[in-house]
Amino acid sequence: MLFLRSLAFNLFFYAHTIAWLFLLLPTEVMPKVWLLRGVQSWARINRRALEVIAGVRVELRGLENRPEGGAIYASKHQSTFETVSLLDLFTDPTFVLKKELLSIPLFGWYAKKAEQIPVDRAAGRAALQSLTRRAREEMARGRQLVIYPEGTRRPAGAPPAYKLGVIHLYRELGVPMVPVALNSGLFWPRHGFLRPPGTLVVEFLPAIAPGRDPDEAFEEMKTAIETASDRLLREALSAPNPPPMPTVARDGRGPVPPVSDD
């Protein structure tokens, strides 16, 4: 049954995504807001399909921690889920993404139209300067900057590997930074086919106010994300019929301990 439900969801997701890529074509000659509305509808349908087809209920916590106006959202990155299913939780998001993604037909067009921020990872310091300039422009317009501080997807429970780019932006932009924790890697693992049922949780944590010492803010962000993400892993793994724990977590830093009764 797990295989069949996973197969059905994966087929739906890719067919649905391809369909929307073509449905959104008229927005290329329309104001950007129409593209945003279309993409947000696509995101909502993905979340609903994940629940109905695969049995993965999505729970959103801490939505009250999202500040008004411009802010940096520093998110844990375990899965494709958070790149495709959270777009409707922001009023006008701009994601930091790899420059190579702009070369993908249709998707790259929409990313440019939506004024997402590409990063050339091979450009070194010049890339960081370009990112900062673009991010400052978008913050002045009250947009939400979504960034994955570890740079790439990592399995649930894997040792953290945060990079300093996010704290450079925090120092330069002067806006709140919201840590985002999740356990999506248990239910939509990278390079994985199966979608085990359960409760996938995304939690927006209290914002770190602008103007803090960058080193302190960086440590607070990492601690907040890792502590909350481990707590969400324990919740999922302590539920009846829990999803499997990725091997990397067992081999890398030991299994996530079960939820205590304390």
C-alpha atoms as a PDB file:
ATOM      1  CA  MET A   1       0.000   0.000   0.000  1.00  0.00           C
ATOM      2  CA  LEU A   2       2.825   2.422   0.824  1.00  0.00           C
ATOM      3  CA  PHE A   3       4.386   1.794  -2.567  1.00  0.00           C
ATOM      4  CA  LEU A   4       1.111   2.311  -4.412  1.00  0.00           C
ATOM      5  CA  ARG A   5       0.220   5.508  -2.550  1.00  0.00           C
ATOM      6  CA  SER A   6       3.725   6.853  -3.086  1.00  0.00           C
ATOM      7  CA  LEU A   7       3.562   6.000  -6.769  1.00  0.00           C
ATOM      8  CA  ALA A   8       0.178   7.699  -7.105  1.00  0.00           C
ATOM      9  CA  PHE A   9       1.411  10.852  -5.382  1.00  0.00           C
ATOM     10  CA  ASN A  10       4.626  11.047  -7.391  1.00  0.00           C
ATOM     11  CA  LEU A  11       2.744  10.619 -10.651  1.00  0.00           C
ATOM     12  CA  PHE A  12       0.260  13.283  -9.612  1.00  0.00           C
ATOM     13  CA  PHE A  13       2.971  15.694  -8.468  1.00  0.00           C
ATOM     14  CA  TYR A  14       4.982  15.574 -11.677  1.00  0.00           C
ATOM     15  CA  ALA A  15       1.927  15.607 -13.959  1.00  0.00           C
ATOM     16  CA  HIS A  16       0.413  18.449 -11.950  1.00  0.00           C
ATOM     17  CA  THR A  17       3.680  20.410 -12.072  1.00  0.00           C
ATOM     18  CA  ILE A  18       4.064  19.983 -15.828  1.00  0.00           C
ATOM     19  CA  ALA A  19       0.460  21.077 -16.345  1.00  0.00           C
ATOM     20  CA  TRP A  20       0.973  24.226 -14.282  1.00  0.00           C
ATOM     21  CA  LEU A  21       4.169  25.064 -16.154  1.00  0.00           C
ATOM     22  CA  PHE A  22       2.052  25.437 -19.262  1.00  0.00           C
ATOM     23  CA  LEU A  23      -0.983  26.957 -17.544  1.00  0.00           C
ATOM     24  CA  LEU A  24       1.204  29.774 -16.244  1.00  0.00           C
ATOM     25  CA  LEU A  25       2.481  30.772 -19.676  1.00  0.00           C
ATOM     26  CA  PRO A  26      -0.001  33.673 -20.057  1.00  0.00           C
ATOM     27  CA  THR A  27       1.418  35.255 -16.887  1.00  0.00           C
ATOM     28  CA  GLU A  28       4.613  36.054 -18.787  1.00  0.00           C
ATOM     29  CA  VAL A  29       2.789  39.035 -20.299  1.00  0.00           C
ATOM     30  CA  MET A  30       0.775  39.864 -17.171  1.00  0.00           C
ATOM     31  CA  PRO A  31       1.704  41.655 -13.923  1.00  0.00           C
ATOM     32  CA  LYS A  32       3.839  39.550 -11.588  1.00  0.00           C
ATOM     33  CA  VAL A  33       1.019  39.210  -9.068  1.00  0.00           C
ATOM     34  CA  TRP A  34      -0.810  36.812 -11.394  1.00  0.00           C
ATOM     35  CA  LEU A  35       2.202  34.521 -11.551  1.00  0.00           C
ATOM     36  CA  LEU A  36       2.453  34.593  -7.755  1.00  0.00           C
ATOM     37  CA  ARG A  37      -1.216  33.695  -7.383  1.00  0.00           C
ATOM     38  CA  GLY A  38      -0.851  30.796  -9.780  1.00  0.00           C
ATOM     39  CA  VAL A  39       2.247  29.437  -8.067  1.00  0.00           C
ATOM     40  CA  GLN A  40       0.597  29.732  -4.661  1.00  0.00           C
ATOM     41  CA  SER A  41      -2.386  27.745  -5.922  1.00  0.00           C
ATOM     42  CA  TRP A  42       0.021  25.087  -7.180  1.00  0.00           C
ATOM     43  CA  ALA A  43       1.663  24.973  -3.731  1.00  0.00           C
ATOM     44  CA  ARG A  44      -1.653  24.597  -1.883  1.00  0.00           C
ATOM     45  CA  ILE A  45      -2.754  21.790  -4.191  1.00  0.00           C
ATOM     46  CA  ASN A  46       0.564  19.990  -3.631  1.00  0.00           C
ATOM     47  CA  ARG A  47       0.100  20.071   0.137  1.00  0.00           C
ATOM     48  CA  ARG A  48      -3.455  18.846  -0.134  1.00  0.00           C
ATOM     49  CA  ALA A  49      -2.474  16.053  -2.523  1.00  0.00           C
ATOM     50  CA  LEU A  50       0.306  14.941  -0.190  1.00  0.00           C
ATOM     51  CA  GLU A  51      -2.296  14.493   2.536  1.00  0.00           C
ATOM     52  CA  VAL A  52      -5.083  12.941   0.475  1.00  0.00           C
ATOM     53  CA  ILE A  53      -2.990  10.652  -1.718  1.00  0.00           C
ATOM     54  CA  ALA A  54       0.041   9.800   0.408  1.00  0.00           C
ATOM     55  CA  GLY A  55      -1.466  10.215   3.878  1.00  0.00           C
ATOM     56  CA  VAL A  56       1.080  12.847   4.929  1.00  0.00           C
ATOM     57  CA  ARG A  57      -0.673  15.537   6.950  1.00  0.00           C
ATOM     58  CA  VAL A  58       1.077  18.912   6.880  1.00  0.00           C
ATOM     59  CA  GLU A  59       0.986  20.898  10.127  1.00  0.00           C
ATOM     60  CA  LEU A  60       2.100  24.522  10.128  1.00  0.00           C
ATOM     61  CA  ARG A  61       3.191  25.949  13.461  1.00  0.00           C
ATOM     62  CA  GLY A  62       4.307  29.384  14.576  1.00  0.00           C
ATOM     63  CA  LEU A  63       2.698  31.307  11.747  1.00  0.00           C
ATOM     64  CA  GLU A  64       2.288  34.179  14.196  1.00  0.00           C
ATOM     65  CA  ASN A  65       6.087  34.496  14.271  1.00  0.00           C
ATOM     66  CA  ARG A  66       6.177  35.837  10.716  1.00  0.00           C
ATOM     67  CA  PRO A  67       6.873  39.596  10.921  1.00  0.00           C
ATOM     68  CA  GLU A  68       5.208  42.152   8.686  1.00  0.00           C
ATOM     69  CA  GLY A  69       7.239  43.408   5.747  1.00  0.00           C
ATOM     70  CA  GLY A  70      10.767  42.454   4.819  1.00  0.00           C
ATOM     71  CA  ALA A  71      12.445  39.577   6.673  1.00  0.00           C
ATOM     72  CA  ILE A  72      14.921  36.764   6.182  1.00  0.00           C
ATOM     73  CA  TYR A  73      13.521  33.247   6.561  1.00  0.00           C
ATOM     74  CA  ALA A  74      16.380  30.851   7.312  1.00  0.00           C
ATOM     75  CA  SER A  75      14.976  27.375   6.748  1.00  0.00           C
ATOM     76  CA  LYS A  76      16.196  23.876   7.421  1.00  0.00           C
ATOM     77  CA  HIS A  77      16.427  22.069   4.070  1.00  0.00           C
ATOM     78  CA  GLN A  78      15.748  18.321   4.071  1.00  0.00           C
ATOM     79  CA  SER A  79      13.437  17.846   1.123  1.00  0.00           C
ATOM     80  CA  THR A  80      11.935  19.073  -2.112  1.00  0.00           C
ATOM     81  CA  PHE A  81       8.821  19.729  -0.038  1.00  0.00           C
ATOM     82  CA  GLU A  82       9.887  23.095   1.349  1.00  0.00           C
ATOM     83  CA  THR A  83      10.814  24.391  -2.104  1.00  0.00           C
ATOM     84  CA  VAL A  84       7.438  23.615  -3.671  1.00  0.00           C
ATOM     85  CA  SER A  85       4.784  23.612  -0.961  1.00  0.00           C
ATOM     86  CA  LEU A  86       5.382  26.689   1.194  1.00  0.00           C
ATOM     87  CA  LEU A  87       5.084  29.434  -1.392  1.00  0.00           C
ATOM     88  CA  ASP A  88       1.626  30.520  -0.286  1.00  0.00           C
ATOM     89  CA  LEU A  89       2.797  31.217   3.280  1.00  0.00           C
ATOM     90  CA  PHE A  90       4.445  34.480   2.216  1.00  0.00           C
ATOM     91  CA  THR A  91       2.969  37.590   0.673  1.00  0.00           C
ATOM     92  CA  ASP A  92       5.769  38.169  -1.845  1.00  0.00           C
ATOM     93  CA  PRO A  93       8.665  35.725  -1.428  1.00  0.00           C
ATOM     94  CA  THR A  94      12.012  35.763  -3.193  1.00  0.00           C
ATOM     95  CA  PHE A  95      14.098  32.615  -2.933  1.00  0.00           C
ATOM     96  CA  VAL A  96      17.875  32.369  -3.139  1.00  0.00           C
ATOM     97  CA  LEU A  97      18.513  29.704  -5.780  1.00  0.00           C
ATOM     98  CA  LYS A  98      21.286  28.278  -7.926  1.00  0.00           C
ATOM     99  CA  LYS A  99      21.943  30.242 -11.098  1.00  0.00           C
ATOM    100  CA  GLU A 100      21.746  27.015 -13.116  1.00  0.00           C
ATOM    101  CA  LEU A 101      18.029  26.702 -12.353  1.00  0.00           C
ATOM    102  CA  LEU A 102      17.318  29.736 -14.521  1.00  0.00           C
ATOM    103  CA  SER A 103      18.330  27.662 -17.559  1.00  0.00           C
ATOM    104  CA  ILE A 104      15.460  25.207 -17.072  1.00  0.00           C
ATOM    105  CA  PRO A 105      12.779  25.853 -19.719  1.00  0.00           C
ATOM    106  CA  LEU A 106       9.610  27.469 -18.381  1.00  0.00           C
ATOM    107  CA  PHE A 107      10.731  27.230 -14.740  1.00  0.00           C
ATOM    108  CA  GLY A 108      13.641  29.570 -15.409  1.00  0.00           C
ATOM    109  CA  TRP A 109      11.343  32.035 -17.165  1.00  0.00           C
ATOM    110  CA  TYR A 110       9.012  32.136 -14.178  1.00  0.00           C
ATOM    111  CA  ALA A 111      11.870  32.467 -11.705  1.00  0.00           C
ATOM    112  CA  LYS A 112      13.092  35.527 -13.590  1.00  0.00           C
ATOM    113  CA  LYS A 113       9.579  36.936 -13.830  1.00  0.00           C
ATOM    114  CA  ALA A 114       9.075  36.442 -10.073  1.00  0.00           C
ATOM    115  CA  GLU A 115      12.425  38.181  -9.452  1.00  0.00           C
ATOM    116  CA  GLN A 116      14.022  35.336  -7.570  1.00  0.00           C
ATOM    117  CA  ILE A 117      17.691  35.780  -6.647  1.00  0.00           C
ATOM    118  CA  PRO A 118      20.143  33.520  -8.498  1.00  0.00           C
ATOM    119  CA  VAL A 119      23.580  32.778  -7.079  1.00  0.00           C
ATOM    120  CA  ASP A 120      26.601  31.719  -9.105  1.00  0.00           C
ATOM    121  CA  ARG A 121      28.352  29.450  -6.630  1.00  0.00           C
ATOM    122  CA  ALA A 122      31.553  29.503  -8.667  1.00  0.00           C
ATOM    123  CA  ALA A 123      31.852  33.293  -8.455  1.00  0.00           C
ATOM    124  CA  GLY A 124      33.076  33.360  -4.851  1.00  0.00           C
ATOM    125  CA  ARG A 125      33.028  36.769  -3.173  1.00  0.00           C
ATOM    126  CA  ALA A 126      31.493  38.422  -6.230  1.00  0.00           C
ATOM    127  CA  ALA A 127      28.478  36.137  -5.853  1.00  0.00           C
ATOM    128  CA  LEU A 128      27.997  37.229  -2.250  1.00  0.00           C
ATOM    129  CA  GLN A 129      28.219  40.891  -3.243  1.00  0.00           C
ATOM    130  CA  SER A 130      25.652  40.401  -6.003  1.00  0.00           C
ATOM    131  CA  LEU A 131      23.364  38.478  -3.647  1.00  0.00           C
ATOM    132  CA  THR A 132      23.586  41.236  -1.044  1.00  0.00           C
ATOM    133  CA  ARG A 133      22.799  43.961  -3.563  1.00  0.00           C
ATOM    134  CA  ARG A 134      19.765  42.119  -4.924  1.00  0.00           C
ATOM    135  CA  ALA A 135      18.551  41.165  -1.461  1.00  0.00           C
ATOM    136  CA  ARG A 136      18.784  44.786  -0.295  1.00  0.00           C
ATOM    137  CA  GLU A 137      16.655  45.873  -3.258  1.00  0.00           C
ATOM    138  CA  GLU A 138      14.012  43.248  -2.498  1.00  0.00           C
ATOM    139  CA  MET A 139      13.945  44.073   1.233  1.00  0.00           C
ATOM    140  CA  ALA A 140      13.308  47.716   0.365  1.00  0.00           C
ATOM    141  CA  ARG A 141      10.149  46.515  -1.365  1.00  0.00           C
ATOM    142  CA  GLY A 142       8.992  44.625   1.720  1.00  0.00           C
ATOM    143  CA  ARG A 143       9.552  41.146   0.291  1.00  0.00           C
ATOM    144  CA  GLN A 144      10.394  37.983   2.216  1.00  0.00           C
ATOM    145  CA  LEU A 145      13.814  36.483   1.507  1.00  0.00           C
ATOM    146  CA  VAL A 146      13.834  32.688   1.837  1.00  0.00           C
ATOM    147  CA  ILE A 147      17.254  31.074   2.141  1.00  0.00           C
ATOM    148  CA  TYR A 148      18.536  27.628   3.077  1.00  0.00           C
ATOM    149  CA  PRO A 149      21.622  28.309   5.239  1.00  0.00           C
ATOM    150  CA  GLU A 150      23.089  24.849   4.642  1.00  0.00           C
ATOM    151  CA  GLY A 151      23.016  25.456   0.903  1.00  0.00           C
ATOM    152  CA  THR A 152      21.609  22.079  -0.126  1.00  0.00           C
ATOM    153  CA  ARG A 153      19.249  19.360   1.046  1.00  0.00           C
ATOM    154  CA  ARG A 154      20.531  17.217   3.890  1.00  0.00           C
ATOM    155  CA  PRO A 155      18.914  14.023   5.222  1.00  0.00           C
ATOM    156  CA  ALA A 156      16.771  14.261   8.329  1.00  0.00           C
ATOM    157  CA  GLY A 157      19.002  13.936  11.372  1.00  0.00           C
ATOM    158  CA  ALA A 158      22.267  14.546   9.506  1.00  0.00           C
ATOM    159  CA  PRO A 159      24.898  16.679  11.252  1.00  0.00           C
ATOM    160  CA  PRO A 160      24.331  20.376  10.468  1.00  0.00           C
ATOM    161  CA  ALA A 161      26.519  22.193   7.937  1.00  0.00           C
ATOM    162  CA  TYR A 162      25.589  25.871   8.045  1.00  0.00           C
ATOM    163  CA  LYS A 163      27.324  28.426   5.840  1.00  0.00           C
ATOM    164  CA  LEU A 164      28.007  32.055   6.692  1.00  0.00           C
ATOM    165  CA  GLY A 165      26.140  33.655   3.779  1.00  0.00           C
ATOM    166  CA  VAL A 166      22.917  33.984   5.752  1.00  0.00           C
ATOM    167  CA  ILE A 167      24.529  35.886   8.593  1.00  0.00           C
ATOM    168  CA  HIS A 168      26.244  38.221   6.136  1.00  0.00           C
ATOM    169  CA  LEU A 169      22.788  39.060   4.790  1.00  0.00           C
ATOM    170  CA  TYR A 170      21.438  39.501   8.321  1.00  0.00           C
ATOM    171  CA  ARG A 171      24.203  41.992   9.120  1.00  0.00           C
ATOM    172  CA  GLU A 172      23.852  43.922   5.861  1.00  0.00           C
ATOM    173  CA  LEU A 173      20.069  44.040   5.467  1.00  0.00           C
ATOM    174  CA  GLY A 174      18.985  45.097   8.946  1.00  0.00           C
ATOM    175  CA  VAL A 175      15.758  43.055   8.974  1.00  0.00           C
ATOM    176  CA  PRO A 176      14.445  40.315  11.316  1.00  0.00           C
ATOM    177  CA  MET A 177      15.612  36.744  10.720  1.00  0.00           C
ATOM    178  CA  VAL A 178      13.115  33.930  11.268  1.00  0.00           C
ATOM    179  CA  PRO A 179      14.524  30.416  11.814  1.00  0.00           C
ATOM    180  CA  VAL A 180      12.373  27.672  10.276  1.00  0.00           C
ATOM    181  CA  ALA A 181      12.499  24.075  11.524  1.00  0.00           C
ATOM    182  CA  LEU A 182      10.918  21.014   9.918  1.00  0.00           C
ATOM    183  CA  ASN A 183      10.950  17.233   9.637  1.00  0.00           C
ATOM    184  CA  SER A 184      10.098  16.951   5.933  1.00  0.00           C
ATOM    185  CA  GLY A 185      13.022  14.637   5.219  1.00  0.00           C
ATOM    186  CA  LEU A 186      11.211  11.802   6.967  1.00  0.00           C
ATOM    187  CA  PHE A 187       8.212  12.000   4.639  1.00  0.00           C
ATOM    188  CA  TRP A 188       9.702  13.269   1.362  1.00  0.00           C
ATOM    189  CA  PRO A 189      13.361  12.165   1.559  1.00  0.00           C
ATOM    190  CA  ARG A 190      15.843  13.464  -0.967  1.00  0.00           C
ATOM    191  CA  HIS A 191      16.471  10.884  -3.697  1.00  0.00           C
ATOM    192  CA  GLY A 192      13.691   8.800  -2.106  1.00  0.00           C
ATOM    193  CA  PHE A 193      10.590   7.402  -3.805  1.00  0.00           C
ATOM    194  CA  LEU A 194       8.425   6.455  -0.826  1.00  0.00           C
ATOM    195  CA  ARG A 195       6.211   8.959   1.006  1.00  0.00           C
ATOM    196  CA  PRO A 196       5.561   7.379   4.436  1.00  0.00           C
ATOM    197  CA  PRO A 197       2.336   8.568   6.088  1.00  0.00           C
ATOM    198  CA  GLY A 198       2.442  10.695   9.212  1.00  0.00           C
ATOM    199  CA  THR A 199       2.559  14.339  10.256  1.00  0.00           C
ATOM    200  CA  LEU A 200       5.027  16.570   8.460  1.00  0.00           C
ATOM    201  CA  VAL A 201       5.585  19.702  10.547  1.00  0.00           C
ATOM    202  CA  VAL A 202       6.957  23.082   9.501  1.00  0.00           C
ATOM    203  CA  GLU A 203       7.573  25.435  12.426  1.00  0.00           C
ATOM    204  CA  PHE A 204       8.335  29.143  12.218  1.00  0.00           C
ATOM    205  CA  LEU A 205      10.372  30.033  15.289  1.00  0.00           C
ATOM    206  CA  PRO A 206      10.556  33.420  17.066  1.00  0.00           C
ATOM    207  CA  ALA A 207      12.309  36.032  14.969  1.00  0.00           C
ATOM    208  CA  ILE A 208      15.805  37.213  15.790  1.00  0.00           C
ATOM    209  CA  ALA A 209      15.635  41.009  15.947  1.00  0.00           C
ATOM    210  CA  PRO A 210      17.857  43.027  13.583  1.00  0.00           C
ATOM    211  CA  GLY A 211      20.993  44.690  14.865  1.00  0.00           C
ATOM    212  CA  ARG A 212      22.255  41.836  17.033  1.00  0.00           C
ATOM    213  CA  ASP A 213      25.906  40.822  17.095  1.00  0.00           C
ATOM    214  CA  PRO A 214      26.227  38.682  13.923  1.00  0.00           C
ATOM    215  CA  ASP A 215      28.154  35.865  15.622  1.00  0.00           C
ATOM    216  CA  GLU A 216      25.597  35.637  18.418  1.00  0.00           C
ATOM    217  CA  ALA A 217      22.709  35.780  15.954  1.00  0.00           C
ATOM    218  CA  PHE A 218      24.296  33.027  13.853  1.00  0.00           C
ATOM    219  CA  GLU A 219      24.668  30.738  16.848  1.00  0.00           C
ATOM    220  CA  GLU A 220      21.131  31.497  18.025  1.00  0.00           C
ATOM    221  CA  MET A 221      19.762  30.702  14.554  1.00  0.00           C
ATOM    222  CA  LYS A 222      21.616  27.381  14.330  1.00  0.00           C
ATOM    223  CA  THR A 223      20.643  26.334  17.842  1.00  0.00           C
ATOM    224  CA  ALA A 224      17.001  27.250  17.308  1.00  0.00           C
ATOM    225  CA  ILE A 225      16.716  25.377  14.003  1.00  0.00           C
ATOM    226  CA  GLU A 226      18.580  22.261  15.129  1.00  0.00           C
ATOM    227  CA  THR A 227      16.868  21.990  18.516  1.00  0.00           C
ATOM    228  CA  ALA A 228      13.401  22.410  17.044  1.00  0.00           C
ATOM    229  CA  SER A 229      14.088  20.137  14.053  1.00  0.00           C
ATOM    230  CA  ASP A 230      15.354  17.352  16.351  1.00  0.00           C
ATOM    231  CA  ARG A 231      12.232  17.788  18.492  1.00  0.00           C
ATOM    232  CA  LEU A 232      10.052  17.426  15.393  1.00  0.00           C
ATOM    233  CA  LEU A 233      11.973  14.305  14.375  1.00  0.00           C
ATOM    234  CA  ARG A 234      11.395  12.779  17.797  1.00  0.00           C
ATOM    235  CA  GLU A 235       7.688  13.560  17.579  1.00  0.00           C
ATOM    236  CA  ALA A 236       7.383  11.824  14.222  1.00  0.00           C
ATOM    237  CA  LEU A 237       9.479   8.822  15.240  1.00  0.00           C
ATOM    238  CA  SER A 238       7.492   8.342  18.461  1.00  0.00           C
ATOM    239  CA  ALA A 239       4.151   8.237  16.657  1.00  0.00           C
ATOM    240  CA  PRO A 240       2.373   4.957  15.873  1.00  0.00           C
ATOM    241  CA  ASN A 241       3.759   3.453  12.643  1.00  0.00           C
ATOM    242  CA  PRO A 242       6.642   5.965  12.434  1.00  0.00           C
ATOM    243  CA  PRO A 243       8.489   6.671   9.177  1.00  0.00           C
ATOM    244  CA  PRO A 244      11.921   5.072   8.769  1.00  0.00           C
ATOM    245  CA  MET A 245      14.903   7.045  10.041  1.00  0.00           C
ATOM    246  CA  PRO A 246      17.472   7.800   7.307  1.00  0.00           C
ATOM    247  CA  THR A 247      20.667   5.753   7.604  1.00  0.00           C
ATOM    248  CA  VAL A 248      22.844   8.862   7.618  1.00  0.00           C
ATOM    249  CA  ALA A 249      21.355   9.917  10.948  1.00  0.00           C
ATOM    250  CA  ARG A 250      22.080   6.552  12.550  1.00  0.00           C
ATOM    251  CA  ASP A 251      25.615   6.446  11.174  1.00  0.00           C
ATOM    252  CA  GLY A 252      26.394  10.150  11.453  1.00  0.00           C
ATOM    253  CA  ARG A 253      25.408  11.141  14.969  1.00  0.00           C
ATOM    254  CA  GLY A 254      23.318   8.300  16.318  1.00  0.00           C
ATOM    255  CA  PRO A 255      19.545   7.894  16.304  1.00  0.00           C
ATOM    256  CA  VAL A 256      17.401  10.782  17.409  1.00  0.00           C
ATOM    257  CA  PRO A 257      16.343   9.858  20.967  1.00  0.00           C
ATOM    258  CA  PRO A 258      12.662   9.167  21.614  1.00  0.00           C
ATOM    259  CA  VAL A 259      10.374  11.761  23.113  1.00  0.00           C
ATOM    260  CA  SER A 260      10.635  11.718  26.890  1.00  0.00           C
ATOM    261  CA  ASP A 261       7.770  12.068  29.322  1.00  0.00           C
ATOM    262  CA  ASP A 262       9.470  14.941  31.146  1.00  0.00           C
END
